[in-house]
Amino acid sequence: MKKSVLTRYRVLAHVTAVLLVLLTVGVIGKRVLGMDGFDGFVSVVGIAHGWLYVLYLVFAFDLGSKMKMPVGRQLWVLLAGTVPTAAFFVERRVTREAEPLIAKNADTTPATA
């Protein structure tokens, strides 16, 4: 497994999590607190989160398949982008498990001159 697979997953996990937190704050401001001006914010952040979540799904599935994760575990990783702040915690745990695989792959790959 290459380090780039983990890096792109990590970037999308963080971006998706931040957008979901912003979307949650916007929806609370709009619906619960009845504050004006959140309509555009919620629309823009919601669309951005939706499209980037699709990329997150692709990258997380790619990472999970290369790590040979069980299906249940992979579903857990995929759904982390739908719960505010969950992706931060799941990303950290997946990274801890993937780094030894990357190091193992780097050790077995011969260096080119």
PDB file of N, CA and C in Angstrom:
ATOM      1  N   MET A   1       0.844  -1.178   0.000  1.00  0.00           N
ATOM      2  CA  MET A   1       0.000   0.000   0.000  1.00  0.00           C
ATOM      3  C   MET A   1       0.891   1.243   0.000  1.00  0.00           C
ATOM      4  N   LYS A   2       0.503   2.221  -0.772  1.00  0.00           N
ATOM      5  CA  LYS A   2       1.282   3.448  -0.878  1.00  0.00           C
ATOM      6  C   LYS A   2       0.810   4.482   0.139  1.00  0.00           C
ATOM      7  N   LYS A   3       1.733   5.340   0.518  1.00  0.00           N
ATOM      8  CA  LYS A   3       1.417   6.409   1.458  1.00  0.00           C
ATOM      9  C   LYS A   3       0.406   7.389   0.873  1.00  0.00           C
ATOM     10  N   SER A   4       0.409   7.558  -0.447  1.00  0.00           N
ATOM     11  CA  SER A   4      -0.523   8.495  -1.081  1.00  0.00           C
ATOM     12  C   SER A   4      -1.980   8.078  -0.883  1.00  0.00           C
ATOM     13  N   VAL A   5      -2.242   6.786  -0.811  1.00  0.00           N
ATOM     14  CA  VAL A   5      -3.605   6.299  -0.579  1.00  0.00           C
ATOM     15  C   VAL A   5      -4.086   6.759   0.792  1.00  0.00           C
ATOM     16  N   LEU A   6      -3.224   6.637   1.784  1.00  0.00           N
ATOM     17  CA  LEU A   6      -3.577   7.081   3.131  1.00  0.00           C
ATOM     18  C   LEU A   6      -3.699   8.600   3.191  1.00  0.00           C
ATOM     19  N   THR A   7      -2.805   9.313   2.522  1.00  0.00           N
ATOM     20  CA  THR A   7      -2.817  10.778   2.567  1.00  0.00           C
ATOM     21  C   THR A   7      -4.097  11.344   1.980  1.00  0.00           C
ATOM     22  N   ARG A   8      -4.508  10.847   0.837  1.00  0.00           N
ATOM     23  CA  ARG A   8      -5.736  11.396   0.236  1.00  0.00           C
ATOM     24  C   ARG A   8      -6.963  11.057   1.079  1.00  0.00           C
ATOM     25  N   TYR A   9      -6.968   9.879   1.700  1.00  0.00           N
ATOM     26  CA  TYR A   9      -8.068   9.548   2.612  1.00  0.00           C
ATOM     27  C   TYR A   9      -8.088  10.518   3.794  1.00  0.00           C
ATOM     28  N   ARG A  10      -6.913  10.767   4.382  1.00  0.00           N
ATOM     29  CA  ARG A  10      -6.837  11.647   5.550  1.00  0.00           C
ATOM     30  C   ARG A  10      -7.306  13.060   5.212  1.00  0.00           C
ATOM     31  N   VAL A  11      -6.882  13.579   4.073  1.00  0.00           N
ATOM     32  CA  VAL A  11      -7.279  14.934   3.671  1.00  0.00           C
ATOM     33  C   VAL A  11      -8.792  15.013   3.515  1.00  0.00           C
ATOM     34  N   LEU A  12      -9.375  14.059   2.801  1.00  0.00           N
ATOM     35  CA  LEU A  12     -10.817  14.081   2.595  1.00  0.00           C
ATOM     36  C   LEU A  12     -11.574  13.833   3.888  1.00  0.00           C
ATOM     37  N   ALA A  13     -11.037  13.031   4.783  1.00  0.00           N
ATOM     38  CA  ALA A  13     -11.703  12.809   6.067  1.00  0.00           C
ATOM     39  C   ALA A  13     -11.776  14.104   6.862  1.00  0.00           C
ATOM     40  N   HIS A  14     -10.684  14.848   6.895  1.00  0.00           N
ATOM     41  CA  HIS A  14     -10.678  16.110   7.637  1.00  0.00           C
ATOM     42  C   HIS A  14     -11.567  17.156   6.983  1.00  0.00           C
ATOM     43  N   VAL A  15     -11.490  17.279   5.673  1.00  0.00           N
ATOM     44  CA  VAL A  15     -12.320  18.268   4.974  1.00  0.00           C
ATOM     45  C   VAL A  15     -13.800  17.936   5.150  1.00  0.00           C
ATOM     46  N   THR A  16     -14.154  16.673   4.999  1.00  0.00           N
ATOM     47  CA  THR A  16     -15.542  16.256   5.165  1.00  0.00           C
ATOM     48  C   THR A  16     -16.023  16.508   6.590  1.00  0.00           C
ATOM     49  N   ALA A  17     -15.187  16.220   7.567  1.00  0.00           N
ATOM     50  CA  ALA A  17     -15.576  16.426   8.968  1.00  0.00           C
ATOM     51  C   ALA A  17     -15.768  17.903   9.280  1.00  0.00           C
ATOM     52  N   VAL A  18     -14.864  18.748   8.793  1.00  0.00           N
ATOM     53  CA  VAL A  18     -14.989  20.189   9.046  1.00  0.00           C
ATOM     54  C   VAL A  18     -16.257  20.735   8.386  1.00  0.00           C
ATOM     55  N   LEU A  19     -16.506  20.340   7.145  1.00  0.00           N
ATOM     56  CA  LEU A  19     -17.713  20.807   6.467  1.00  0.00           C
ATOM     57  C   LEU A  19     -18.980  20.318   7.165  1.00  0.00           C
ATOM     58  N   LEU A  20     -18.957  19.100   7.676  1.00  0.00           N
ATOM     59  CA  LEU A  20     -20.131  18.585   8.377  1.00  0.00           C
ATOM     60  C   LEU A  20     -20.373  19.331   9.685  1.00  0.00           C
ATOM     61  N   VAL A  21     -19.311  19.674  10.391  1.00  0.00           N
ATOM     62  CA  VAL A  21     -19.466  20.468  11.614  1.00  0.00           C
ATOM     63  C   VAL A  21     -20.029  21.851  11.265  1.00  0.00           C
ATOM     64  N   LEU A  22     -19.493  22.482  10.220  1.00  0.00           N
ATOM     65  CA  LEU A  22     -20.010  23.784   9.786  1.00  0.00           C
ATOM     66  C   LEU A  22     -21.468  23.681   9.359  1.00  0.00           C
ATOM     67  N   LEU A  23     -21.811  22.619   8.646  1.00  0.00           N
ATOM     68  CA  LEU A  23     -23.194  22.420   8.228  1.00  0.00           C
ATOM     69  C   LEU A  23     -24.115  22.239   9.430  1.00  0.00           C
ATOM     70  N   THR A  24     -23.661  21.511  10.415  1.00  0.00           N
ATOM     71  CA  THR A  24     -24.456  21.304  11.630  1.00  0.00           C
ATOM     72  C   THR A  24     -24.689  22.621  12.358  1.00  0.00           C
ATOM     73  N   VAL A  25     -23.637  23.432  12.469  1.00  0.00           N
ATOM     74  CA  VAL A  25     -23.778  24.750  13.108  1.00  0.00           C
ATOM     75  C   VAL A  25     -24.745  25.619  12.310  1.00  0.00           C
ATOM     76  N   GLY A  26     -24.631  25.577  10.998  1.00  0.00           N
ATOM     77  CA  GLY A  26     -25.528  26.367  10.153  1.00  0.00           C
ATOM     78  C   GLY A  26     -26.974  25.939  10.277  1.00  0.00           C
ATOM     79  N   VAL A  27     -27.216  24.644  10.303  1.00  0.00           N
ATOM     80  CA  VAL A  27     -28.590  24.140  10.433  1.00  0.00           C
ATOM     81  C   VAL A  27     -29.162  24.493  11.800  1.00  0.00           C
ATOM     82  N   ILE A  28     -28.352  24.402  12.841  1.00  0.00           N
ATOM     83  CA  ILE A  28     -28.824  24.798  14.177  1.00  0.00           C
ATOM     84  C   ILE A  28     -29.165  26.281  14.185  1.00  0.00           C
ATOM     85  N   GLY A  29     -28.291  27.098  13.586  1.00  0.00           N
ATOM     86  CA  GLY A  29     -28.574  28.531  13.524  1.00  0.00           C
ATOM     87  C   GLY A  29     -29.822  28.837  12.731  1.00  0.00           C
ATOM     88  N   LYS A  30     -30.016  28.131  11.640  1.00  0.00           N
ATOM     89  CA  LYS A  30     -31.162  28.383  10.765  1.00  0.00           C
ATOM     90  C   LYS A  30     -32.458  27.835  11.348  1.00  0.00           C
ATOM     91  N   ARG A  31     -32.462  26.588  11.742  1.00  0.00           N
ATOM     92  CA  ARG A  31     -33.709  25.924  12.150  1.00  0.00           C
ATOM     93  C   ARG A  31     -34.046  26.094  13.625  1.00  0.00           C
ATOM     94  N   VAL A  32     -33.057  25.910  14.479  1.00  0.00           N
ATOM     95  CA  VAL A  32     -33.332  25.929  15.922  1.00  0.00           C
ATOM     96  C   VAL A  32     -33.398  27.352  16.447  1.00  0.00           C
ATOM     97  N   LEU A  33     -32.402  28.161  16.085  1.00  0.00           N
ATOM     98  CA  LEU A  33     -32.338  29.527  16.602  1.00  0.00           C
ATOM     99  C   LEU A  33     -33.093  30.513  15.740  1.00  0.00           C
ATOM    100  N   GLY A  34     -33.489  30.110  14.540  1.00  0.00           N
ATOM    101  CA  GLY A  34     -34.265  30.960  13.654  1.00  0.00           C
ATOM    102  C   GLY A  34     -33.522  32.209  13.194  1.00  0.00           C
ATOM    103  N   MET A  35     -32.210  32.114  13.077  1.00  0.00           N
ATOM    104  CA  MET A  35     -31.408  33.273  12.680  1.00  0.00           C
ATOM    105  C   MET A  35     -31.477  33.470  11.164  1.00  0.00           C
ATOM    106  N   ASP A  36     -31.632  34.722  10.777  1.00  0.00           N
ATOM    107  CA  ASP A  36     -31.659  35.045   9.353  1.00  0.00           C
ATOM    108  C   ASP A  36     -30.242  35.008   8.795  1.00  0.00           C
ATOM    109  N   GLY A  37     -30.120  34.764   7.514  1.00  0.00           N
ATOM    110  CA  GLY A  37     -28.823  34.798   6.867  1.00  0.00           C
ATOM    111  C   GLY A  37     -28.117  33.463   6.782  1.00  0.00           C
ATOM    112  N   PHE A  38     -28.669  32.424   7.348  1.00  0.00           N
ATOM    113  CA  PHE A  38     -28.019  31.114   7.302  1.00  0.00           C
ATOM    114  C   PHE A  38     -28.445  30.295   6.089  1.00  0.00           C
ATOM    115  N   ASP A  39     -29.445  30.788   5.332  1.00  0.00           N
ATOM    116  CA  ASP A  39     -29.936  30.009   4.188  1.00  0.00           C
ATOM    117  C   ASP A  39     -28.842  29.754   3.158  1.00  0.00           C
ATOM    118  N   GLY A  40     -28.166  30.802   2.739  1.00  0.00           N
ATOM    119  CA  GLY A  40     -27.105  30.658   1.744  1.00  0.00           C
ATOM    120  C   GLY A  40     -25.942  29.838   2.263  1.00  0.00           C
ATOM    121  N   PHE A  41     -25.586  30.061   3.513  1.00  0.00           N
ATOM    122  CA  PHE A  41     -24.479  29.327   4.133  1.00  0.00           C
ATOM    123  C   PHE A  41     -24.765  27.833   4.150  1.00  0.00           C
ATOM    124  N   VAL A  42     -25.966  27.470   4.586  1.00  0.00           N
ATOM    125  CA  VAL A  42     -26.342  26.058   4.666  1.00  0.00           C
ATOM    126  C   VAL A  42     -26.365  25.441   3.272  1.00  0.00           C
ATOM    127  N   SER A  43     -26.844  26.185   2.287  1.00  0.00           N
ATOM    128  CA  SER A  43     -26.890  25.654   0.920  1.00  0.00           C
ATOM    129  C   SER A  43     -25.492  25.389   0.372  1.00  0.00           C
ATOM    130  N   VAL A  44     -24.622  26.370   0.492  1.00  0.00           N
ATOM    131  CA  VAL A  44     -23.274  26.234  -0.059  1.00  0.00           C
ATOM    132  C   VAL A  44     -22.497  25.136   0.662  1.00  0.00           C
ATOM    133  N   VAL A  45     -22.513  25.150   1.986  1.00  0.00           N
ATOM    134  CA  VAL A  45     -21.763  24.144   2.751  1.00  0.00           C
ATOM    135  C   VAL A  45     -22.372  22.754   2.546  1.00  0.00           C
ATOM    136  N   GLY A  46     -23.695  22.682   2.448  1.00  0.00           N
ATOM    137  CA  GLY A  46     -24.351  21.393   2.223  1.00  0.00           C
ATOM    138  C   GLY A  46     -23.981  20.777   0.889  1.00  0.00           C
ATOM    139  N   ILE A  47     -23.951  21.592  -0.148  1.00  0.00           N
ATOM    140  CA  ILE A  47     -23.570  21.093  -1.473  1.00  0.00           C
ATOM    141  C   ILE A  47     -22.098  20.669  -1.469  1.00  0.00           C
ATOM    142  N   ALA A  48     -21.244  21.497  -0.891  1.00  0.00           N
ATOM    143  CA  ALA A  48     -19.810  21.163  -0.837  1.00  0.00           C
ATOM    144  C   ALA A  48     -19.591  19.863  -0.068  1.00  0.00           C
ATOM    145  N   HIS A  49     -20.256  19.732   1.077  1.00  0.00           N
ATOM    146  CA  HIS A  49     -20.103  18.510   1.871  1.00  0.00           C
ATOM    147  C   HIS A  49     -20.608  17.298   1.091  1.00  0.00           C
ATOM    148  N   GLY A  50     -21.723  17.439   0.409  1.00  0.00           N
ATOM    149  CA  GLY A  50     -22.285  16.318  -0.343  1.00  0.00           C
ATOM    150  C   GLY A  50     -21.345  15.808  -1.424  1.00  0.00           C
ATOM    151  N   TRP A  51     -20.790  16.714  -2.203  1.00  0.00           N
ATOM    152  CA  TRP A  51     -19.884  16.301  -3.270  1.00  0.00           C
ATOM    153  C   TRP A  51     -18.574  15.753  -2.714  1.00  0.00           C
ATOM    154  N   LEU A  52     -18.049  16.398  -1.708  1.00  0.00           N
ATOM    155  CA  LEU A  52     -16.789  15.921  -1.147  1.00  0.00           C
ATOM    156  C   LEU A  52     -16.971  14.620  -0.369  1.00  0.00           C
ATOM    157  N   TYR A  53     -18.173  14.392   0.159  1.00  0.00           N
ATOM    158  CA  TYR A  53     -18.443  13.126   0.833  1.00  0.00           C
ATOM    159  C   TYR A  53     -18.389  11.971  -0.160  1.00  0.00           C
ATOM    160  N   VAL A  54     -18.839  12.214  -1.390  1.00  0.00           N
ATOM    161  CA  VAL A  54     -18.756  11.179  -2.422  1.00  0.00           C
ATOM    162  C   VAL A  54     -17.289  10.826  -2.682  1.00  0.00           C
ATOM    163  N   LEU A  55     -16.422  11.833  -2.771  1.00  0.00           N
ATOM    164  CA  LEU A  55     -14.988  11.570  -2.933  1.00  0.00           C
ATOM    165  C   LEU A  55     -14.426  10.841  -1.720  1.00  0.00           C
ATOM    166  N   TYR A  56     -14.881  11.242  -0.532  1.00  0.00           N
ATOM    167  CA  TYR A  56     -14.462  10.566   0.701  1.00  0.00           C
ATOM    168  C   TYR A  56     -14.824   9.083   0.638  1.00  0.00           C
ATOM    169  N   LEU A  57     -16.023   8.778   0.157  1.00  0.00           N
ATOM    170  CA  LEU A  57     -16.441   7.384   0.047  1.00  0.00           C
ATOM    171  C   LEU A  57     -15.517   6.599  -0.883  1.00  0.00           C
ATOM    172  N   VAL A  58     -15.175   7.201  -2.002  1.00  0.00           N
ATOM    173  CA  VAL A  58     -14.296   6.532  -2.964  1.00  0.00           C
ATOM    174  C   VAL A  58     -12.920   6.275  -2.341  1.00  0.00           C
ATOM    175  N   PHE A  59     -12.343   7.317  -1.707  1.00  0.00           N
ATOM    176  CA  PHE A  59     -11.009   7.179  -1.132  1.00  0.00           C
ATOM    177  C   PHE A  59     -11.007   6.247   0.075  1.00  0.00           C
ATOM    178  N   ALA A  60     -12.049   6.306   0.889  1.00  0.00           N
ATOM    179  CA  ALA A  60     -12.120   5.423   2.052  1.00  0.00           C
ATOM    180  C   ALA A  60     -12.302   3.973   1.616  1.00  0.00           C
ATOM    181  N   PHE A  61     -13.099   3.750   0.586  1.00  0.00           N
ATOM    182  CA  PHE A  61     -13.272   2.385   0.080  1.00  0.00           C
ATOM    183  C   PHE A  61     -11.969   1.862  -0.503  1.00  0.00           C
ATOM    184  N   ASP A  62     -11.262   2.713  -1.242  1.00  0.00           N
ATOM    185  CA  ASP A  62      -9.974   2.322  -1.808  1.00  0.00           C
ATOM    186  C   ASP A  62      -8.988   1.945  -0.701  1.00  0.00           C
ATOM    187  N   LEU A  63      -8.910   2.780   0.323  1.00  0.00           N
ATOM    188  CA  LEU A  63      -8.014   2.500   1.444  1.00  0.00           C
ATOM    189  C   LEU A  63      -8.415   1.207   2.146  1.00  0.00           C
ATOM    190  N   GLY A  64      -9.699   1.056   2.427  1.00  0.00           N
ATOM    191  CA  GLY A  64     -10.176  -0.138   3.117  1.00  0.00           C
ATOM    192  C   GLY A  64      -9.919  -1.415   2.341  1.00  0.00           C
ATOM    193  N   SER A  65     -10.084  -1.355   1.032  1.00  0.00           N
ATOM    194  CA  SER A  65      -9.842  -2.557   0.238  1.00  0.00           C
ATOM    195  C   SER A  65      -8.352  -2.883   0.178  1.00  0.00           C
ATOM    196  N   LYS A  66      -7.500  -1.858   0.136  1.00  0.00           N
ATOM    197  CA  LYS A  66      -6.055  -2.108   0.122  1.00  0.00           C
ATOM    198  C   LYS A  66      -5.543  -2.567   1.482  1.00  0.00           C
ATOM    199  N   MET A  67      -6.232  -2.165   2.559  1.00  0.00           N
ATOM    200  CA  MET A  67      -5.864  -2.632   3.896  1.00  0.00           C
ATOM    201  C   MET A  67      -6.493  -3.987   4.210  1.00  0.00           C
ATOM    202  N   LYS A  68      -7.371  -4.450   3.320  1.00  0.00           N
ATOM    203  CA  LYS A  68      -8.096  -5.707   3.507  1.00  0.00           C
ATOM    204  C   LYS A  68      -8.943  -5.688   4.782  1.00  0.00           C
ATOM    205  N   MET A  69      -9.687  -4.580   4.944  1.00  0.00           N
ATOM    206  CA  MET A  69     -10.590  -4.443   6.098  1.00  0.00           C
ATOM    207  C   MET A  69     -11.803  -5.350   5.927  1.00  0.00           C
ATOM    208  N   PRO A  70     -12.318  -5.878   7.026  1.00  0.00           N
ATOM    209  CA  PRO A  70     -13.596  -6.599   6.948  1.00  0.00           C
ATOM    210  C   PRO A  70     -14.717  -5.635   6.528  1.00  0.00           C
ATOM    211  N   VAL A  71     -15.761  -6.176   5.936  1.00  0.00           N
ATOM    212  CA  VAL A  71     -16.843  -5.354   5.392  1.00  0.00           C
ATOM    213  C   VAL A  71     -17.490  -4.481   6.468  1.00  0.00           C
ATOM    214  N   GLY A  72     -17.751  -5.033   7.635  1.00  0.00           N
ATOM    215  CA  GLY A  72     -18.377  -4.258   8.712  1.00  0.00           C
ATOM    216  C   GLY A  72     -17.520  -3.078   9.136  1.00  0.00           C
ATOM    217  N   ARG A  73     -16.264  -3.309   9.223  1.00  0.00           N
ATOM    218  CA  ARG A  73     -15.331  -2.239   9.603  1.00  0.00           C
ATOM    219  C   ARG A  73     -15.267  -1.168   8.531  1.00  0.00           C
ATOM    220  N   GLN A  74     -15.279  -1.601   7.288  1.00  0.00           N
ATOM    221  CA  GLN A  74     -15.233  -0.654   6.184  1.00  0.00           C
ATOM    222  C   GLN A  74     -16.504   0.190   6.145  1.00  0.00           C
ATOM    223  N   LEU A  75     -17.641  -0.390   6.432  1.00  0.00           N
ATOM    224  CA  LEU A  75     -18.889   0.382   6.501  1.00  0.00           C
ATOM    225  C   LEU A  75     -18.820   1.421   7.608  1.00  0.00           C
ATOM    226  N   TRP A  76     -18.215   1.054   8.718  1.00  0.00           N
ATOM    227  CA  TRP A  76     -18.039   1.982   9.835  1.00  0.00           C
ATOM    228  C   TRP A  76     -17.211   3.185   9.392  1.00  0.00           C
ATOM    229  N   VAL A  77     -16.140   2.945   8.647  1.00  0.00           N
ATOM    230  CA  VAL A  77     -15.291   4.026   8.144  1.00  0.00           C
ATOM    231  C   VAL A  77     -16.068   4.878   7.147  1.00  0.00           C
ATOM    232  N   LEU A  78     -16.830   4.251   6.268  1.00  0.00           N
ATOM    233  CA  LEU A  78     -17.594   4.994   5.272  1.00  0.00           C
ATOM    234  C   LEU A  78     -18.664   5.874   5.903  1.00  0.00           C
ATOM    235  N   LEU A  79     -19.298   5.399   6.937  1.00  0.00           N
ATOM    236  CA  LEU A  79     -20.355   6.171   7.597  1.00  0.00           C
ATOM    237  C   LEU A  79     -19.827   7.259   8.517  1.00  0.00           C
ATOM    238  N   ALA A  80     -18.543   7.261   8.803  1.00  0.00           N
ATOM    239  CA  ALA A  80     -17.971   8.268   9.698  1.00  0.00           C
ATOM    240  C   ALA A  80     -18.139   9.683   9.155  1.00  0.00           C
ATOM    241  N   GLY A  81     -18.268   9.823   7.853  1.00  0.00           N
ATOM    242  CA  GLY A  81     -18.461  11.140   7.251  1.00  0.00           C
ATOM    243  C   GLY A  81     -19.859  11.684   7.385  1.00  0.00           C
ATOM    244  N   THR A  82     -20.754  10.925   8.030  1.00  0.00           N
ATOM    245  CA  THR A  82     -22.133  11.387   8.206  1.00  0.00           C
ATOM    246  C   THR A  82     -22.439  11.814   9.635  1.00  0.00           C
ATOM    247  N   VAL A  83     -21.527  11.576  10.551  1.00  0.00           N
ATOM    248  CA  VAL A  83     -21.724  11.941  11.958  1.00  0.00           C
ATOM    249  C   VAL A  83     -20.724  13.051  12.307  1.00  0.00           C
ATOM    250  N   PRO A  84     -21.224  14.214  12.749  1.00  0.00           N
ATOM    251  CA  PRO A  84     -20.288  15.312  13.045  1.00  0.00           C
ATOM    252  C   PRO A  84     -19.180  14.871  14.002  1.00  0.00           C
ATOM    253  N   THR A  85     -17.975  15.187  13.670  1.00  0.00           N
ATOM    254  CA  THR A  85     -16.721  14.920  14.390  1.00  0.00           C
ATOM    255  C   THR A  85     -16.291  13.447  14.379  1.00  0.00           C
ATOM    256  N   ALA A  86     -17.116  12.527  13.922  1.00  0.00           N
ATOM    257  CA  ALA A  86     -16.736  11.107  13.941  1.00  0.00           C
ATOM    258  C   ALA A  86     -15.557  10.835  13.017  1.00  0.00           C
ATOM    259  N   ALA A  87     -15.501  11.516  11.889  1.00  0.00           N
ATOM    260  CA  ALA A  87     -14.424  11.263  10.929  1.00  0.00           C
ATOM    261  C   ALA A  87     -13.053  11.592  11.515  1.00  0.00           C
ATOM    262  N   PHE A  88     -12.991  12.560  12.427  1.00  0.00           N
ATOM    263  CA  PHE A  88     -11.710  12.883  13.054  1.00  0.00           C
ATOM    264  C   PHE A  88     -11.174  11.686  13.834  1.00  0.00           C
ATOM    265  N   PHE A  89     -12.038  11.058  14.609  1.00  0.00           N
ATOM    266  CA  PHE A  89     -11.629   9.931  15.448  1.00  0.00           C
ATOM    267  C   PHE A  89     -11.354   8.674  14.623  1.00  0.00           C
ATOM    268  N   VAL A  90     -12.217   8.415  13.655  1.00  0.00           N
ATOM    269  CA  VAL A  90     -12.050   7.237  12.810  1.00  0.00           C
ATOM    270  C   VAL A  90     -10.780   7.371  11.972  1.00  0.00           C
ATOM    271  N   GLU A  91     -10.537   8.570  11.457  1.00  0.00           N
ATOM    272  CA  GLU A  91      -9.333   8.798  10.648  1.00  0.00           C
ATOM    273  C   GLU A  91      -8.078   8.508  11.455  1.00  0.00           C
ATOM    274  N   ARG A  92      -8.037   8.971  12.687  1.00  0.00           N
ATOM    275  CA  ARG A  92      -6.858   8.760  13.528  1.00  0.00           C
ATOM    276  C   ARG A  92      -6.617   7.268  13.764  1.00  0.00           C
ATOM    277  N   ARG A  93      -7.692   6.534  14.019  1.00  0.00           N
ATOM    278  CA  ARG A  93      -7.562   5.098  14.283  1.00  0.00           C
ATOM    279  C   ARG A  93      -7.121   4.338  13.024  1.00  0.00           C
ATOM    280  N   VAL A  94      -7.717   4.690  11.890  1.00  0.00           N
ATOM    281  CA  VAL A  94      -7.350   4.034  10.632  1.00  0.00           C
ATOM    282  C   VAL A  94      -5.894   4.342  10.288  1.00  0.00           C
ATOM    283  N   THR A  95      -5.464   5.577  10.533  1.00  0.00           N
ATOM    284  CA  THR A  95      -4.080   5.954  10.245  1.00  0.00           C
ATOM    285  C   THR A  95      -3.112   5.138  11.087  1.00  0.00           C
ATOM    286  N   ARG A  96      -3.429   4.955  12.373  1.00  0.00           N
ATOM    287  CA  ARG A  96      -2.570   4.152  13.235  1.00  0.00           C
ATOM    288  C   ARG A  96      -2.444   2.712  12.732  1.00  0.00           C
ATOM    289  N   GLU A  97      -3.514   2.196  12.151  1.00  0.00           N
ATOM    290  CA  GLU A  97      -3.475   0.826  11.637  1.00  0.00           C
ATOM    291  C   GLU A  97      -2.806   0.743  10.271  1.00  0.00           C
ATOM    292  N   ALA A  98      -2.884   1.806   9.482  1.00  0.00           N
ATOM    293  CA  ALA A  98      -2.338   1.774   8.120  1.00  0.00           C
ATOM    294  C   ALA A  98      -0.846   2.057   8.084  1.00  0.00           C
ATOM    295  N   GLU A  99      -0.353   2.854   9.009  1.00  0.00           N
ATOM    296  CA  GLU A  99       1.073   3.215   8.977  1.00  0.00           C
ATOM    297  C   GLU A  99       2.008   2.008   9.045  1.00  0.00           C
ATOM    298  N   PRO A 100       1.747   1.011   9.882  1.00  0.00           N
ATOM    299  CA  PRO A 100       2.632  -0.173   9.851  1.00  0.00           C
ATOM    300  C   PRO A 100       2.576  -0.914   8.509  1.00  0.00           C
ATOM    301  N   LEU A 101       1.422  -0.922   7.853  1.00  0.00           N
ATOM    302  CA  LEU A 101       1.316  -1.560   6.540  1.00  0.00           C
ATOM    303  C   LEU A 101       2.141  -0.815   5.499  1.00  0.00           C
ATOM    304  N   ILE A 102       2.134   0.511   5.595  1.00  0.00           N
ATOM    305  CA  ILE A 102       2.919   1.327   4.670  1.00  0.00           C
ATOM    306  C   ILE A 102       4.410   1.112   4.927  1.00  0.00           C
ATOM    307  N   ALA A 103       4.798   1.081   6.187  1.00  0.00           N
ATOM    308  CA  ALA A 103       6.199   0.854   6.534  1.00  0.00           C
ATOM    309  C   ALA A 103       6.657  -0.536   6.085  1.00  0.00           C
ATOM    310  N   LYS A 104       5.798  -1.516   6.256  1.00  0.00           N
ATOM    311  CA  LYS A 104       6.122  -2.886   5.834  1.00  0.00           C
ATOM    312  C   LYS A 104       6.315  -2.926   4.328  1.00  0.00           C
ATOM    313  N   ASN A 105       5.448  -2.230   3.594  1.00  0.00           N
ATOM    314  CA  ASN A 105       5.563  -2.190   2.145  1.00  0.00           C
ATOM    315  C   ASN A 105       6.836  -1.460   1.711  1.00  0.00           C
ATOM    316  N   ALA A 106       7.201  -0.406   2.433  1.00  0.00           N
ATOM    317  CA  ALA A 106       8.422   0.343   2.105  1.00  0.00           C
ATOM    318  C   ALA A 106       9.665  -0.518   2.359  1.00  0.00           C
ATOM    319  N   ASP A 107       9.611  -1.356   3.391  1.00  0.00           N
ATOM    320  CA  ASP A 107      10.755  -2.226   3.709  1.00  0.00           C
ATOM    321  C   ASP A 107      10.959  -3.320   2.654  1.00  0.00           C
ATOM    322  N   THR A 108       9.863  -3.815   2.078  1.00  0.00           N
ATOM    323  CA  THR A 108       9.968  -4.897   1.111  1.00  0.00           C
ATOM    324  C   THR A 108      10.222  -4.410  -0.305  1.00  0.00           C
ATOM    325  N   THR A 109       9.994  -3.122  -0.554  1.00  0.00           N
ATOM    326  CA  THR A 109      10.206  -2.568  -1.890  1.00  0.00           C
ATOM    327  C   THR A 109      11.675  -2.181  -2.025  1.00  0.00           C
ATOM    328  N   PRO A 110      12.342  -2.697  -3.053  1.00  0.00           N
ATOM    329  CA  PRO A 110      13.764  -2.345  -3.210  1.00  0.00           C
ATOM    330  C   PRO A 110      13.933  -0.887  -3.633  1.00  0.00           C
ATOM    331  N   ALA A 111      14.958  -0.252  -3.119  1.00  0.00           N
ATOM    332  CA  ALA A 111      15.230   1.144  -3.448  1.00  0.00           C
ATOM    333  C   ALA A 111      15.811   1.223  -4.848  1.00  0.00           C
ATOM    334  N   THR A 112      15.373   2.239  -5.602  1.00  0.00           N
ATOM    335  CA  THR A 112      15.890   2.437  -6.941  1.00  0.00           C
ATOM    336  C   THR A 112      16.885   3.581  -6.944  1.00  0.00           C
ATOM    337  N   ALA A 113      17.907   3.446  -7.757  1.00  0.00           N
ATOM    338  CA  ALA A 113      18.951   4.471  -7.780  1.00  0.00           C
ATOM    339  C   ALA A 113      18.743   5.464  -8.892  1.00  0.00           C
TER     340      ALA A 113
END
